[in-house]
Amino acid sequence: MRSAADAVTLLGPALAHRDKERVHAAYVAECGLVLAVDEVEGLSCAWIDLPIRHLIGRTLQLGGVGIVIAHNHPSGDPAPSAHDIAATRALANAARVMDIRLLDHLIFARSHCASFRALGLL
């Protein structure tokens, strides 16, 4: 995985048109190879709640150095909410401590996609 476009191609088909919010994570090796893609538990009633310990632990278990997370907004609006931003910052900070890089957080909403990296939020 070398670019945001690669992440969109990998994660978009599973999330773009879902009618309920879901979180997926791609775990990435130093060379850019995707080690695994998981659908992760981490939803409350109205927003994502990123399972930080699980995401960091799974990355370490796989020997990865990076994570791309993605979730969907069934509403059709890909704009990150304040809660999305806070949860992503918490994950990025925890990952940094473990020498893991949060490469991007993508939000899919039907045919639209928002990238935290492109928006300057990472």
PDB file of N, CA and C in Angstrom:
ATOM      1  N   MET A   1       0.854  -1.156   0.000  1.00  0.00           N
ATOM      2  CA  MET A   1       0.000   0.000   0.000  1.00  0.00           C
ATOM      3  C   MET A   1       0.906   1.226   0.000  1.00  0.00           C
ATOM      4  N   ARG A   2       0.883   1.937  -1.082  1.00  0.00           N
ATOM      5  CA  ARG A   2       1.797   3.058  -1.253  1.00  0.00           C
ATOM      6  C   ARG A   2       1.103   4.420  -1.281  1.00  0.00           C
ATOM      7  N   SER A   3      -0.229   4.431  -1.381  1.00  0.00           N
ATOM      8  CA  SER A   3      -0.917   5.721  -1.505  1.00  0.00           C
ATOM      9  C   SER A   3      -2.335   5.631  -0.962  1.00  0.00           C
ATOM     10  N   ALA A   4      -2.949   6.793  -0.802  1.00  0.00           N
ATOM     11  CA  ALA A   4      -4.356   6.844  -0.385  1.00  0.00           C
ATOM     12  C   ALA A   4      -5.233   6.152  -1.422  1.00  0.00           C
ATOM     13  N   ALA A   5      -4.875   6.270  -2.689  1.00  0.00           N
ATOM     14  CA  ALA A   5      -5.654   5.604  -3.741  1.00  0.00           C
ATOM     15  C   ALA A   5      -5.639   4.085  -3.552  1.00  0.00           C
ATOM     16  N   ASP A   6      -4.491   3.544  -3.152  1.00  0.00           N
ATOM     17  CA  ASP A   6      -4.415   2.102  -2.882  1.00  0.00           C
ATOM     18  C   ASP A   6      -5.359   1.716  -1.745  1.00  0.00           C
ATOM     19  N   ALA A   7      -5.395   2.541  -0.708  1.00  0.00           N
ATOM     20  CA  ALA A   7      -6.262   2.268   0.439  1.00  0.00           C
ATOM     21  C   ALA A   7      -7.733   2.361   0.047  1.00  0.00           C
ATOM     22  N   VAL A   8      -8.072   3.343  -0.759  1.00  0.00           N
ATOM     23  CA  VAL A   8      -9.463   3.498  -1.225  1.00  0.00           C
ATOM     24  C   VAL A   8      -9.874   2.274  -2.038  1.00  0.00           C
ATOM     25  N   THR A   9      -9.001   1.831  -2.922  1.00  0.00           N
ATOM     26  CA  THR A   9      -9.287   0.654  -3.748  1.00  0.00           C
ATOM     27  C   THR A   9      -9.463  -0.593  -2.892  1.00  0.00           C
ATOM     28  N   LEU A  10      -8.641  -0.728  -1.868  1.00  0.00           N
ATOM     29  CA  LEU A  10      -8.693  -1.905  -1.001  1.00  0.00           C
ATOM     30  C   LEU A  10      -9.920  -1.904  -0.095  1.00  0.00           C
ATOM     31  N   LEU A  11     -10.203  -0.773   0.545  1.00  0.00           N
ATOM     32  CA  LEU A  11     -11.218  -0.734   1.602  1.00  0.00           C
ATOM     33  C   LEU A  11     -12.590  -0.227   1.140  1.00  0.00           C
ATOM     34  N   GLY A  12     -12.629   0.542   0.086  1.00  0.00           N
ATOM     35  CA  GLY A  12     -13.871   1.148  -0.366  1.00  0.00           C
ATOM     36  C   GLY A  12     -14.996   0.178  -0.701  1.00  0.00           C
ATOM     37  N   PRO A  13     -14.727  -0.874  -1.464  1.00  0.00           N
ATOM     38  CA  PRO A  13     -15.826  -1.768  -1.856  1.00  0.00           C
ATOM     39  C   PRO A  13     -16.580  -2.387  -0.676  1.00  0.00           C
ATOM     40  N   ALA A  14     -15.897  -2.628   0.424  1.00  0.00           N
ATOM     41  CA  ALA A  14     -16.554  -3.251   1.584  1.00  0.00           C
ATOM     42  C   ALA A  14     -17.342  -2.250   2.422  1.00  0.00           C
ATOM     43  N   LEU A  15     -17.100  -0.955   2.232  1.00  0.00           N
ATOM     44  CA  LEU A  15     -17.689   0.032   3.139  1.00  0.00           C
ATOM     45  C   LEU A  15     -18.595   1.063   2.482  1.00  0.00           C
ATOM     46  N   ALA A  16     -18.358   1.410   1.256  1.00  0.00           N
ATOM     47  CA  ALA A  16     -19.000   2.578   0.649  1.00  0.00           C
ATOM     48  C   ALA A  16     -20.526   2.541   0.692  1.00  0.00           C
ATOM     49  N   HIS A  17     -21.105   1.399   0.527  1.00  0.00           N
ATOM     50  CA  HIS A  17     -22.572   1.335   0.418  1.00  0.00           C
ATOM     51  C   HIS A  17     -23.237   0.569   1.556  1.00  0.00           C
ATOM     52  N   ARG A  18     -22.562   0.421   2.674  1.00  0.00           N
ATOM     53  CA  ARG A  18     -23.150  -0.271   3.830  1.00  0.00           C
ATOM     54  C   ARG A  18     -24.196   0.621   4.475  1.00  0.00           C
ATOM     55  N   ASP A  19     -25.238   0.003   5.020  1.00  0.00           N
ATOM     56  CA  ASP A  19     -26.304   0.786   5.654  1.00  0.00           C
ATOM     57  C   ASP A  19     -26.096   0.961   7.156  1.00  0.00           C
ATOM     58  N   LYS A  20     -25.059   0.344   7.716  1.00  0.00           N
ATOM     59  CA  LYS A  20     -24.691   0.530   9.119  1.00  0.00           C
ATOM     60  C   LYS A  20     -23.202   0.818   9.179  1.00  0.00           C
ATOM     61  N   GLU A  21     -22.805   1.639  10.159  1.00  0.00           N
ATOM     62  CA  GLU A  21     -21.387   1.972  10.281  1.00  0.00           C
ATOM     63  C   GLU A  21     -20.562   0.748  10.646  1.00  0.00           C
ATOM     64  N   ARG A  22     -19.439   0.637   9.972  1.00  0.00           N
ATOM     65  CA  ARG A  22     -18.481  -0.430  10.221  1.00  0.00           C
ATOM     66  C   ARG A  22     -17.084   0.169  10.200  1.00  0.00           C
ATOM     67  N   VAL A  23     -16.165  -0.475  10.889  1.00  0.00           N
ATOM     68  CA  VAL A  23     -14.766  -0.054  10.904  1.00  0.00           C
ATOM     69  C   VAL A  23     -13.922  -1.196  10.345  1.00  0.00           C
ATOM     70  N   HIS A  24     -13.043  -0.874   9.394  1.00  0.00           N
ATOM     71  CA  HIS A  24     -12.095  -1.837   8.859  1.00  0.00           C
ATOM     72  C   HIS A  24     -10.697  -1.287   9.090  1.00  0.00           C
ATOM     73  N   ALA A  25      -9.748  -2.181   9.234  1.00  0.00           N
ATOM     74  CA  ALA A  25      -8.350  -1.792   9.406  1.00  0.00           C
ATOM     75  C   ALA A  25      -7.483  -2.622   8.483  1.00  0.00           C
ATOM     76  N   ALA A  26      -6.527  -1.964   7.843  1.00  0.00           N
ATOM     77  CA  ALA A  26      -5.504  -2.642   7.043  1.00  0.00           C
ATOM     78  C   ALA A  26      -4.180  -2.446   7.769  1.00  0.00           C
ATOM     79  N   TYR A  27      -3.482  -3.539   7.980  1.00  0.00           N
ATOM     80  CA  TYR A  27      -2.214  -3.538   8.699  1.00  0.00           C
ATOM     81  C   TYR A  27      -1.096  -3.660   7.671  1.00  0.00           C
ATOM     82  N   VAL A  28      -0.120  -2.776   7.748  1.00  0.00           N
ATOM     83  CA  VAL A  28       0.858  -2.620   6.676  1.00  0.00           C
ATOM     84  C   VAL A  28       2.279  -2.872   7.175  1.00  0.00           C
ATOM     85  N   ALA A  29       3.037  -3.613   6.370  1.00  0.00           N
ATOM     86  CA  ALA A  29       4.445  -3.894   6.657  1.00  0.00           C
ATOM     87  C   ALA A  29       5.319  -2.731   6.196  1.00  0.00           C
ATOM     88  N   GLU A  30       6.570  -2.760   6.606  1.00  0.00           N
ATOM     89  CA  GLU A  30       7.543  -1.719   6.245  1.00  0.00           C
ATOM     90  C   GLU A  30       7.606  -1.507   4.735  1.00  0.00           C
ATOM     91  N   CYS A  31       7.522  -2.571   3.967  1.00  0.00           N
ATOM     92  CA  CYS A  31       7.647  -2.490   2.510  1.00  0.00           C
ATOM     93  C   CYS A  31       6.356  -2.047   1.813  1.00  0.00           C
ATOM     94  N   GLY A  32       5.294  -1.833   2.586  1.00  0.00           N
ATOM     95  CA  GLY A  32       4.024  -1.426   2.001  1.00  0.00           C
ATOM     96  C   GLY A  32       3.063  -2.574   1.760  1.00  0.00           C
ATOM     97  N   LEU A  33       3.507  -3.787   2.007  1.00  0.00           N
ATOM     98  CA  LEU A  33       2.661  -4.962   1.842  1.00  0.00           C
ATOM     99  C   LEU A  33       1.537  -4.943   2.875  1.00  0.00           C
ATOM    100  N   VAL A  34       0.324  -5.213   2.436  1.00  0.00           N
ATOM    101  CA  VAL A  34      -0.806  -5.323   3.363  1.00  0.00           C
ATOM    102  C   VAL A  34      -0.766  -6.707   3.987  1.00  0.00           C
ATOM    103  N   LEU A  35      -0.605  -6.741   5.301  1.00  0.00           N
ATOM    104  CA  LEU A  35      -0.483  -7.999   6.026  1.00  0.00           C
ATOM    105  C   LEU A  35      -1.838  -8.640   6.304  1.00  0.00           C
ATOM    106  N   ALA A  36      -2.852  -7.822   6.542  1.00  0.00           N
ATOM    107  CA  ALA A  36      -4.202  -8.319   6.832  1.00  0.00           C
ATOM    108  C   ALA A  36      -5.169  -7.150   6.767  1.00  0.00           C
ATOM    109  N   VAL A  37      -6.418  -7.479   6.514  1.00  0.00           N
ATOM    110  CA  VAL A  37      -7.512  -6.511   6.591  1.00  0.00           C
ATOM    111  C   VAL A  37      -8.580  -7.141   7.462  1.00  0.00           C
ATOM    112  N   ASP A  38      -9.001  -6.408   8.488  1.00  0.00           N
ATOM    113  CA  ASP A  38     -10.007  -6.916   9.422  1.00  0.00           C
ATOM    114  C   ASP A  38     -11.164  -5.952   9.526  1.00  0.00           C
ATOM    115  N   GLU A  39     -12.360  -6.502   9.724  1.00  0.00           N
ATOM    116  CA  GLU A  39     -13.465  -5.679  10.207  1.00  0.00           C
ATOM    117  C   GLU A  39     -13.366  -5.748  11.719  1.00  0.00           C
ATOM    118  N   VAL A  40     -13.317  -4.598  12.358  1.00  0.00           N
ATOM    119  CA  VAL A  40     -13.108  -4.575  13.806  1.00  0.00           C
ATOM    120  C   VAL A  40     -14.349  -4.079  14.521  1.00  0.00           C
ATOM    121  N   GLU A  41     -14.556  -4.606  15.701  1.00  0.00           N
ATOM    122  CA  GLU A  41     -15.636  -4.117  16.544  1.00  0.00           C
ATOM    123  C   GLU A  41     -15.217  -2.771  17.084  1.00  0.00           C
ATOM    124  N   GLY A  42     -16.149  -1.855  17.167  1.00  0.00           N
ATOM    125  CA  GLY A  42     -15.785  -0.573  17.714  1.00  0.00           C
ATOM    126  C   GLY A  42     -16.843   0.472  17.472  1.00  0.00           C
ATOM    127  N   LEU A  43     -18.086   0.081  17.567  1.00  0.00           N
ATOM    128  CA  LEU A  43     -19.159   1.028  17.289  1.00  0.00           C
ATOM    129  C   LEU A  43     -20.013   1.240  18.521  1.00  0.00           C
ATOM    130  N   SER A  44     -20.384   2.466  18.734  1.00  0.00           N
ATOM    131  CA  SER A  44     -21.428   2.740  19.710  1.00  0.00           C
ATOM    132  C   SER A  44     -22.677   3.025  18.898  1.00  0.00           C
ATOM    133  N   CYS A  45     -23.692   3.537  19.491  1.00  0.00           N
ATOM    134  CA  CYS A  45     -24.947   3.749  18.779  1.00  0.00           C
ATOM    135  C   CYS A  45     -24.837   4.773  17.663  1.00  0.00           C
ATOM    136  N   ALA A  46     -24.112   5.856  17.870  1.00  0.00           N
ATOM    137  CA  ALA A  46     -24.149   6.952  16.912  1.00  0.00           C
ATOM    138  C   ALA A  46     -22.790   7.325  16.331  1.00  0.00           C
ATOM    139  N   TRP A  47     -21.702   6.668  16.751  1.00  0.00           N
ATOM    140  CA  TRP A  47     -20.395   7.046  16.222  1.00  0.00           C
ATOM    141  C   TRP A  47     -19.435   5.883  16.370  1.00  0.00           C
ATOM    142  N   ILE A  48     -18.327   5.991  15.689  1.00  0.00           N
ATOM    143  CA  ILE A  48     -17.311   4.953  15.852  1.00  0.00           C
ATOM    144  C   ILE A  48     -16.586   5.168  17.170  1.00  0.00           C
ATOM    145  N   ASP A  49     -16.174   4.104  17.747  1.00  0.00           N
ATOM    146  CA  ASP A  49     -15.368   4.126  18.963  1.00  0.00           C
ATOM    147  C   ASP A  49     -14.196   3.196  18.676  1.00  0.00           C
ATOM    148  N   LEU A  50     -13.094   3.754  18.260  1.00  0.00           N
ATOM    149  CA  LEU A  50     -11.975   2.934  17.804  1.00  0.00           C
ATOM    150  C   LEU A  50     -11.399   2.090  18.937  1.00  0.00           C
ATOM    151  N   PRO A  51     -11.277   0.791  18.703  1.00  0.00           N
ATOM    152  CA  PRO A  51     -10.696  -0.107  19.712  1.00  0.00           C
ATOM    153  C   PRO A  51      -9.167  -0.028  19.657  1.00  0.00           C
ATOM    154  N   ILE A  52      -8.624   0.983  20.297  1.00  0.00           N
ATOM    155  CA  ILE A  52      -7.204   1.311  20.178  1.00  0.00           C
ATOM    156  C   ILE A  52      -6.307   0.143  20.591  1.00  0.00           C
ATOM    157  N   ARG A  53      -6.584  -0.468  21.721  1.00  0.00           N
ATOM    158  CA  ARG A  53      -5.736  -1.585  22.184  1.00  0.00           C
ATOM    159  C   ARG A  53      -5.719  -2.721  21.174  1.00  0.00           C
ATOM    160  N   HIS A  54      -6.890  -3.028  20.617  1.00  0.00           N
ATOM    161  CA  HIS A  54      -6.977  -4.105  19.623  1.00  0.00           C
ATOM    162  C   HIS A  54      -6.169  -3.748  18.370  1.00  0.00           C
ATOM    163  N   LEU A  55      -6.339  -2.534  17.871  1.00  0.00           N
ATOM    164  CA  LEU A  55      -5.657  -2.122  16.648  1.00  0.00           C
ATOM    165  C   LEU A  55      -4.138  -2.139  16.818  1.00  0.00           C
ATOM    166  N   ILE A  56      -3.648  -1.616  17.930  1.00  0.00           N
ATOM    167  CA  ILE A  56      -2.205  -1.612  18.196  1.00  0.00           C
ATOM    168  C   ILE A  56      -1.702  -3.046  18.388  1.00  0.00           C
ATOM    169  N   GLY A  57      -2.425  -3.833  19.178  1.00  0.00           N
ATOM    170  CA  GLY A  57      -2.027  -5.217  19.427  1.00  0.00           C
ATOM    171  C   GLY A  57      -1.981  -6.051  18.159  1.00  0.00           C
ATOM    172  N   ARG A  58      -2.965  -5.884  17.305  1.00  0.00           N
ATOM    173  CA  ARG A  58      -3.017  -6.650  16.052  1.00  0.00           C
ATOM    174  C   ARG A  58      -1.866  -6.239  15.133  1.00  0.00           C
ATOM    175  N   THR A  59      -1.566  -4.966  15.084  1.00  0.00           N
ATOM    176  CA  THR A  59      -0.442  -4.497  14.258  1.00  0.00           C
ATOM    177  C   THR A  59       0.865  -5.124  14.741  1.00  0.00           C
ATOM    178  N   LEU A  60       1.073  -5.108  16.048  1.00  0.00           N
ATOM    179  CA  LEU A  60       2.287  -5.703  16.612  1.00  0.00           C
ATOM    180  C   LEU A  60       2.323  -7.210  16.379  1.00  0.00           C
ATOM    181  N   GLN A  61       1.184  -7.876  16.543  1.00  0.00           N
ATOM    182  CA  GLN A  61       1.103  -9.323  16.334  1.00  0.00           C
ATOM    183  C   GLN A  61       1.519  -9.694  14.909  1.00  0.00           C
ATOM    184  N   LEU A  62       1.130  -8.877  13.938  1.00  0.00           N
ATOM    185  CA  LEU A  62       1.433  -9.151  12.536  1.00  0.00           C
ATOM    186  C   LEU A  62       2.825  -8.669  12.123  1.00  0.00           C
ATOM    187  N   GLY A  63       3.495  -7.942  13.012  1.00  0.00           N
ATOM    188  CA  GLY A  63       4.799  -7.388  12.668  1.00  0.00           C
ATOM    189  C   GLY A  63       4.699  -6.168  11.771  1.00  0.00           C
ATOM    190  N   GLY A  64       3.557  -5.496  11.817  1.00  0.00           N
ATOM    191  CA  GLY A  64       3.339  -4.324  10.982  1.00  0.00           C
ATOM    192  C   GLY A  64       3.943  -3.068  11.565  1.00  0.00           C
ATOM    193  N   VAL A  65       4.030  -2.052  10.707  1.00  0.00           N
ATOM    194  CA  VAL A  65       4.542  -0.751  11.131  1.00  0.00           C
ATOM    195  C   VAL A  65       3.538   0.366  10.855  1.00  0.00           C
ATOM    196  N   GLY A  66       2.423   0.028  10.193  1.00  0.00           N
ATOM    197  CA  GLY A  66       1.432   1.035   9.859  1.00  0.00           C
ATOM    198  C   GLY A  66       0.021   0.472   9.859  1.00  0.00           C
ATOM    199  N   ILE A  67      -0.925   1.381  10.016  1.00  0.00           N
ATOM    200  CA  ILE A  67      -2.346   1.021  10.004  1.00  0.00           C
ATOM    201  C   ILE A  67      -3.075   2.046   9.139  1.00  0.00           C
ATOM    202  N   VAL A  68      -4.003   1.550   8.350  1.00  0.00           N
ATOM    203  CA  VAL A  68      -4.982   2.407   7.699  1.00  0.00           C
ATOM    204  C   VAL A  68      -6.329   1.972   8.244  1.00  0.00           C
ATOM    205  N   ILE A  69      -7.078   2.908   8.793  1.00  0.00           N
ATOM    206  CA  ILE A  69      -8.423   2.570   9.245  1.00  0.00           C
ATOM    207  C   ILE A  69      -9.421   3.255   8.329  1.00  0.00           C
ATOM    208  N   ALA A  70     -10.586   2.659   8.265  1.00  0.00           N
ATOM    209  CA  ALA A  70     -11.647   3.220   7.436  1.00  0.00           C
ATOM    210  C   ALA A  70     -12.979   2.881   8.067  1.00  0.00           C
ATOM    211  N   HIS A  71     -13.918   3.790   7.929  1.00  0.00           N
ATOM    212  CA  HIS A  71     -15.284   3.486   8.325  1.00  0.00           C
ATOM    213  C   HIS A  71     -16.214   4.195   7.362  1.00  0.00           C
ATOM    214  N   ASN A  72     -17.482   3.923   7.512  1.00  0.00           N
ATOM    215  CA  ASN A  72     -18.448   4.492   6.581  1.00  0.00           C
ATOM    216  C   ASN A  72     -19.448   5.377   7.307  1.00  0.00           C
ATOM    217  N   HIS A  73     -20.005   6.305   6.564  1.00  0.00           N
ATOM    218  CA  HIS A  73     -21.106   7.146   7.018  1.00  0.00           C
ATOM    219  C   HIS A  73     -22.307   6.851   6.128  1.00  0.00           C
ATOM    220  N   PRO A  74     -23.252   6.057   6.611  1.00  0.00           N
ATOM    221  CA  PRO A  74     -24.432   5.733   5.800  1.00  0.00           C
ATOM    222  C   PRO A  74     -25.247   6.961   5.392  1.00  0.00           C
ATOM    223  N   SER A  75     -25.068   8.073   6.077  1.00  0.00           N
ATOM    224  CA  SER A  75     -25.802   9.299   5.764  1.00  0.00           C
ATOM    225  C   SER A  75     -25.463   9.850   4.389  1.00  0.00           C
ATOM    226  N   GLY A  76     -24.300   9.468   3.858  1.00  0.00           N
ATOM    227  CA  GLY A  76     -23.866   9.990   2.572  1.00  0.00           C
ATOM    228  C   GLY A  76     -22.923  11.171   2.682  1.00  0.00           C
ATOM    229  N   ASP A  77     -22.654  11.643   3.889  1.00  0.00           N
ATOM    230  CA  ASP A  77     -21.747  12.775   4.105  1.00  0.00           C
ATOM    231  C   ASP A  77     -20.426  12.244   4.655  1.00  0.00           C
ATOM    232  N   PRO A  78     -19.326  12.360   3.896  1.00  0.00           N
ATOM    233  CA  PRO A  78     -18.055  11.804   4.360  1.00  0.00           C
ATOM    234  C   PRO A  78     -17.284  12.708   5.324  1.00  0.00           C
ATOM    235  N   ALA A  79     -17.820  13.861   5.659  1.00  0.00           N
ATOM    236  CA  ALA A  79     -17.096  14.784   6.539  1.00  0.00           C
ATOM    237  C   ALA A  79     -16.878  14.168   7.916  1.00  0.00           C
ATOM    238  N   PRO A  80     -15.650  14.248   8.438  1.00  0.00           N
ATOM    239  CA  PRO A  80     -15.385  13.698   9.771  1.00  0.00           C
ATOM    240  C   PRO A  80     -16.125  14.495  10.844  1.00  0.00           C
ATOM    241  N   SER A  81     -16.686  13.777  11.786  1.00  0.00           N
ATOM    242  CA  SER A  81     -17.323  14.437  12.928  1.00  0.00           C
ATOM    243  C   SER A  81     -16.253  14.798  13.952  1.00  0.00           C
ATOM    244  N   ALA A  82     -16.625  15.606  14.929  1.00  0.00           N
ATOM    245  CA  ALA A  82     -15.694  15.947  16.013  1.00  0.00           C
ATOM    246  C   ALA A  82     -15.252  14.677  16.731  1.00  0.00           C
ATOM    247  N   HIS A  83     -16.162  13.746  16.912  1.00  0.00           N
ATOM    248  CA  HIS A  83     -15.810  12.484  17.574  1.00  0.00           C
ATOM    249  C   HIS A  83     -14.860  11.661  16.711  1.00  0.00           C
ATOM    250  N   ASP A  84     -15.075  11.621  15.391  1.00  0.00           N
ATOM    251  CA  ASP A  84     -14.154  10.915  14.491  1.00  0.00           C
ATOM    252  C   ASP A  84     -12.744  11.486  14.624  1.00  0.00           C
ATOM    253  N   ILE A  85     -12.644  12.802  14.672  1.00  0.00           N
ATOM    254  CA  ILE A  85     -11.343  13.465  14.764  1.00  0.00           C
ATOM    255  C   ILE A  85     -10.669  13.147  16.094  1.00  0.00           C
ATOM    256  N   ALA A  86     -11.416  13.233  17.186  1.00  0.00           N
ATOM    257  CA  ALA A  86     -10.846  12.948  18.510  1.00  0.00           C
ATOM    258  C   ALA A  86     -10.390  11.491  18.610  1.00  0.00           C
ATOM    259  N   ALA A  87     -11.197  10.560  18.125  1.00  0.00           N
ATOM    260  CA  ALA A  87     -10.844   9.140  18.186  1.00  0.00           C
ATOM    261  C   ALA A  87      -9.612   8.849  17.339  1.00  0.00           C
ATOM    262  N   THR A  88      -9.522   9.484  16.192  1.00  0.00           N
ATOM    263  CA  THR A  88      -8.377   9.278  15.306  1.00  0.00           C
ATOM    264  C   THR A  88      -7.107   9.830  15.933  1.00  0.00           C
ATOM    265  N   ARG A  89      -7.185  10.982  16.545  1.00  0.00           N
ATOM    266  CA  ARG A  89      -6.005  11.559  17.213  1.00  0.00           C
ATOM    267  C   ARG A  89      -5.538  10.669  18.363  1.00  0.00           C
ATOM    268  N   ALA A  90      -6.487  10.118  19.119  1.00  0.00           N
ATOM    269  CA  ALA A  90      -6.125   9.216  20.216  1.00  0.00           C
ATOM    270  C   ALA A  90      -5.410   7.981  19.680  1.00  0.00           C
ATOM    271  N   LEU A  91      -5.920   7.416  18.574  1.00  0.00           N
ATOM    272  CA  LEU A  91      -5.267   6.259  17.969  1.00  0.00           C
ATOM    273  C   LEU A  91      -3.881   6.625  17.452  1.00  0.00           C
ATOM    274  N   ALA A  92      -3.756   7.755  16.774  1.00  0.00           N
ATOM    275  CA  ALA A  92      -2.457   8.180  16.234  1.00  0.00           C
ATOM    276  C   ALA A  92      -1.434   8.361  17.353  1.00  0.00           C
ATOM    277  N   ASN A  93      -1.849   8.950  18.453  1.00  0.00           N
ATOM    278  CA  ASN A  93      -0.947   9.160  19.586  1.00  0.00           C
ATOM    279  C   ASN A  93      -0.509   7.841  20.211  1.00  0.00           C
ATOM    280  N   ALA A  94      -1.451   6.925  20.407  1.00  0.00           N
ATOM    281  CA  ALA A  94      -1.109   5.618  20.980  1.00  0.00           C
ATOM    282  C   ALA A  94      -0.206   4.834  20.033  1.00  0.00           C
ATOM    283  N   ALA A  95      -0.489   4.895  18.758  1.00  0.00           N
ATOM    284  CA  ALA A  95       0.325   4.179  17.775  1.00  0.00           C
ATOM    285  C   ALA A  95       1.754   4.723  17.770  1.00  0.00           C
ATOM    286  N   ARG A  96       1.888   6.035  17.822  1.00  0.00           N
ATOM    287  CA  ARG A  96       3.205   6.670  17.798  1.00  0.00           C
ATOM    288  C   ARG A  96       4.083   6.163  18.937  1.00  0.00           C
ATOM    289  N   VAL A  97       3.503   5.989  20.109  1.00  0.00           N
ATOM    290  CA  VAL A  97       4.249   5.498  21.273  1.00  0.00           C
ATOM    291  C   VAL A  97       4.831   4.109  21.002  1.00  0.00           C
ATOM    292  N   MET A  98       4.115   3.321  20.209  1.00  0.00           N
ATOM    293  CA  MET A  98       4.562   1.957  19.899  1.00  0.00           C
ATOM    294  C   MET A  98       5.332   1.884  18.577  1.00  0.00           C
ATOM    295  N   ASP A  99       5.723   3.040  18.046  1.00  0.00           N
ATOM    296  CA  ASP A  99       6.470   3.124  16.788  1.00  0.00           C
ATOM    297  C   ASP A  99       5.674   2.564  15.604  1.00  0.00           C
ATOM    298  N   ILE A 100       4.381   2.825  15.629  1.00  0.00           N
ATOM    299  CA  ILE A 100       3.467   2.450  14.550  1.00  0.00           C
ATOM    300  C   ILE A 100       2.926   3.748  13.975  1.00  0.00           C
ATOM    301  N   ARG A 101       2.746   3.791  12.681  1.00  0.00           N
ATOM    302  CA  ARG A 101       2.254   5.007  12.037  1.00  0.00           C
ATOM    303  C   ARG A 101       0.814   4.793  11.582  1.00  0.00           C
ATOM    304  N   LEU A 102      -0.054   5.712  11.968  1.00  0.00           N
ATOM    305  CA  LEU A 102      -1.411   5.723  11.423  1.00  0.00           C
ATOM    306  C   LEU A 102      -1.302   6.406  10.068  1.00  0.00           C
ATOM    307  N   LEU A 103      -1.381   5.620   9.016  1.00  0.00           N
ATOM    308  CA  LEU A 103      -1.142   6.124   7.667  1.00  0.00           C
ATOM    309  C   LEU A 103      -2.296   6.981   7.162  1.00  0.00           C
ATOM    310  N   ASP A 104      -3.524   6.575   7.483  1.00  0.00           N
ATOM    311  CA  ASP A 104      -4.682   7.369   7.090  1.00  0.00           C
ATOM    312  C   ASP A 104      -5.913   6.823   7.802  1.00  0.00           C
ATOM    313  N   HIS A 105      -6.927   7.646   7.824  1.00  0.00           N
ATOM    314  CA  HIS A 105      -8.263   7.257   8.253  1.00  0.00           C
ATOM    315  C   HIS A 105      -9.177   7.728   7.140  1.00  0.00           C
ATOM    316  N   LEU A 106      -9.859   6.792   6.523  1.00  0.00           N
ATOM    317  CA  LEU A 106     -10.757   7.091   5.414  1.00  0.00           C
ATOM    318  C   LEU A 106     -12.198   6.972   5.877  1.00  0.00           C
ATOM    319  N   ILE A 107     -13.030   7.876   5.400  1.00  0.00           N
ATOM    320  CA  ILE A 107     -14.466   7.784   5.657  1.00  0.00           C
ATOM    321  C   ILE A 107     -15.165   7.682   4.311  1.00  0.00           C
ATOM    322  N   PHE A 108     -15.874   6.581   4.137  1.00  0.00           N
ATOM    323  CA  PHE A 108     -16.620   6.341   2.905  1.00  0.00           C
ATOM    324  C   PHE A 108     -18.086   6.692   3.112  1.00  0.00           C
ATOM    325  N   ALA A 109     -18.658   7.344   2.125  1.00  0.00           N
ATOM    326  CA  ALA A 109     -20.078   7.689   2.143  1.00  0.00           C
ATOM    327  C   ALA A 109     -20.584   7.575   0.706  1.00  0.00           C
ATOM    328  N   ARG A 110     -21.106   6.415   0.416  1.00  0.00           N
ATOM    329  CA  ARG A 110     -21.541   6.089  -0.942  1.00  0.00           C
ATOM    330  C   ARG A 110     -20.388   6.301  -1.924  1.00  0.00           C
ATOM    331  N   SER A 111     -20.508   7.216  -2.858  1.00  0.00           N
ATOM    332  CA  SER A 111     -19.458   7.399  -3.867  1.00  0.00           C
ATOM    333  C   SER A 111     -18.405   8.420  -3.444  1.00  0.00           C
ATOM    334  N   HIS A 112     -18.469   8.908  -2.217  1.00  0.00           N
ATOM    335  CA  HIS A 112     -17.524   9.911  -1.733  1.00  0.00           C
ATOM    336  C   HIS A 112     -16.592   9.293  -0.690  1.00  0.00           C
ATOM    337  N   CYS A 113     -15.412   9.875  -0.580  1.00  0.00           N
ATOM    338  CA  CYS A 113     -14.453   9.412   0.408  1.00  0.00           C
ATOM    339  C   CYS A 113     -13.679  10.613   0.939  1.00  0.00           C
ATOM    340  N   ALA A 114     -13.516  10.681   2.247  1.00  0.00           N
ATOM    341  CA  ALA A 114     -12.689  11.709   2.886  1.00  0.00           C
ATOM    342  C   ALA A 114     -11.470  11.026   3.485  1.00  0.00           C
ATOM    343  N   SER A 115     -10.320  11.643   3.291  1.00  0.00           N
ATOM    344  CA  SER A 115      -9.057  11.150   3.831  1.00  0.00           C
ATOM    345  C   SER A 115      -8.570  12.127   4.894  1.00  0.00           C
ATOM    346  N   PHE A 116      -8.345  11.626   6.110  1.00  0.00           N
ATOM    347  CA  PHE A 116      -7.830  12.483   7.169  1.00  0.00           C
ATOM    348  C   PHE A 116      -6.470  13.069   6.771  1.00  0.00           C
ATOM    349  N   ARG A 117      -5.635  12.282   6.109  1.00  0.00           N
ATOM    350  CA  ARG A 117      -4.324  12.774   5.707  1.00  0.00           C
ATOM    351  C   ARG A 117      -4.487  13.921   4.707  1.00  0.00           C
ATOM    352  N   ALA A 118      -5.343  13.743   3.694  1.00  0.00           N
ATOM    353  CA  ALA A 118      -5.545  14.790   2.688  1.00  0.00           C
ATOM    354  C   ALA A 118      -6.174  16.036   3.287  1.00  0.00           C
ATOM    355  N   LEU A 119      -7.001  15.856   4.315  1.00  0.00           N
ATOM    356  CA  LEU A 119      -7.640  16.993   4.981  1.00  0.00           C
ATOM    357  C   LEU A 119      -6.714  17.690   5.972  1.00  0.00           C
ATOM    358  N   GLY A 120      -5.511  17.157   6.168  1.00  0.00           N
ATOM    359  CA  GLY A 120      -4.567  17.749   7.113  1.00  0.00           C
ATOM    360  C   GLY A 120      -4.873  17.420   8.562  1.00  0.00           C
ATOM    361  N   LEU A 121      -5.638  16.370   8.799  1.00  0.00           N
ATOM    362  CA  LEU A 121      -6.013  15.983  10.155  1.00  0.00           C
ATOM    363  C   LEU A 121      -5.078  14.927  10.742  1.00  0.00           C
ATOM    364  N   LEU A 122      -4.119  14.472   9.982  1.00  0.00           N
ATOM    365  CA  LEU A 122      -3.091  13.531  10.472  1.00  0.00           C
ATOM    366  C   LEU A 122      -1.717  14.090  10.164  1.00  0.00           C
TER     367      LEU A 122
END
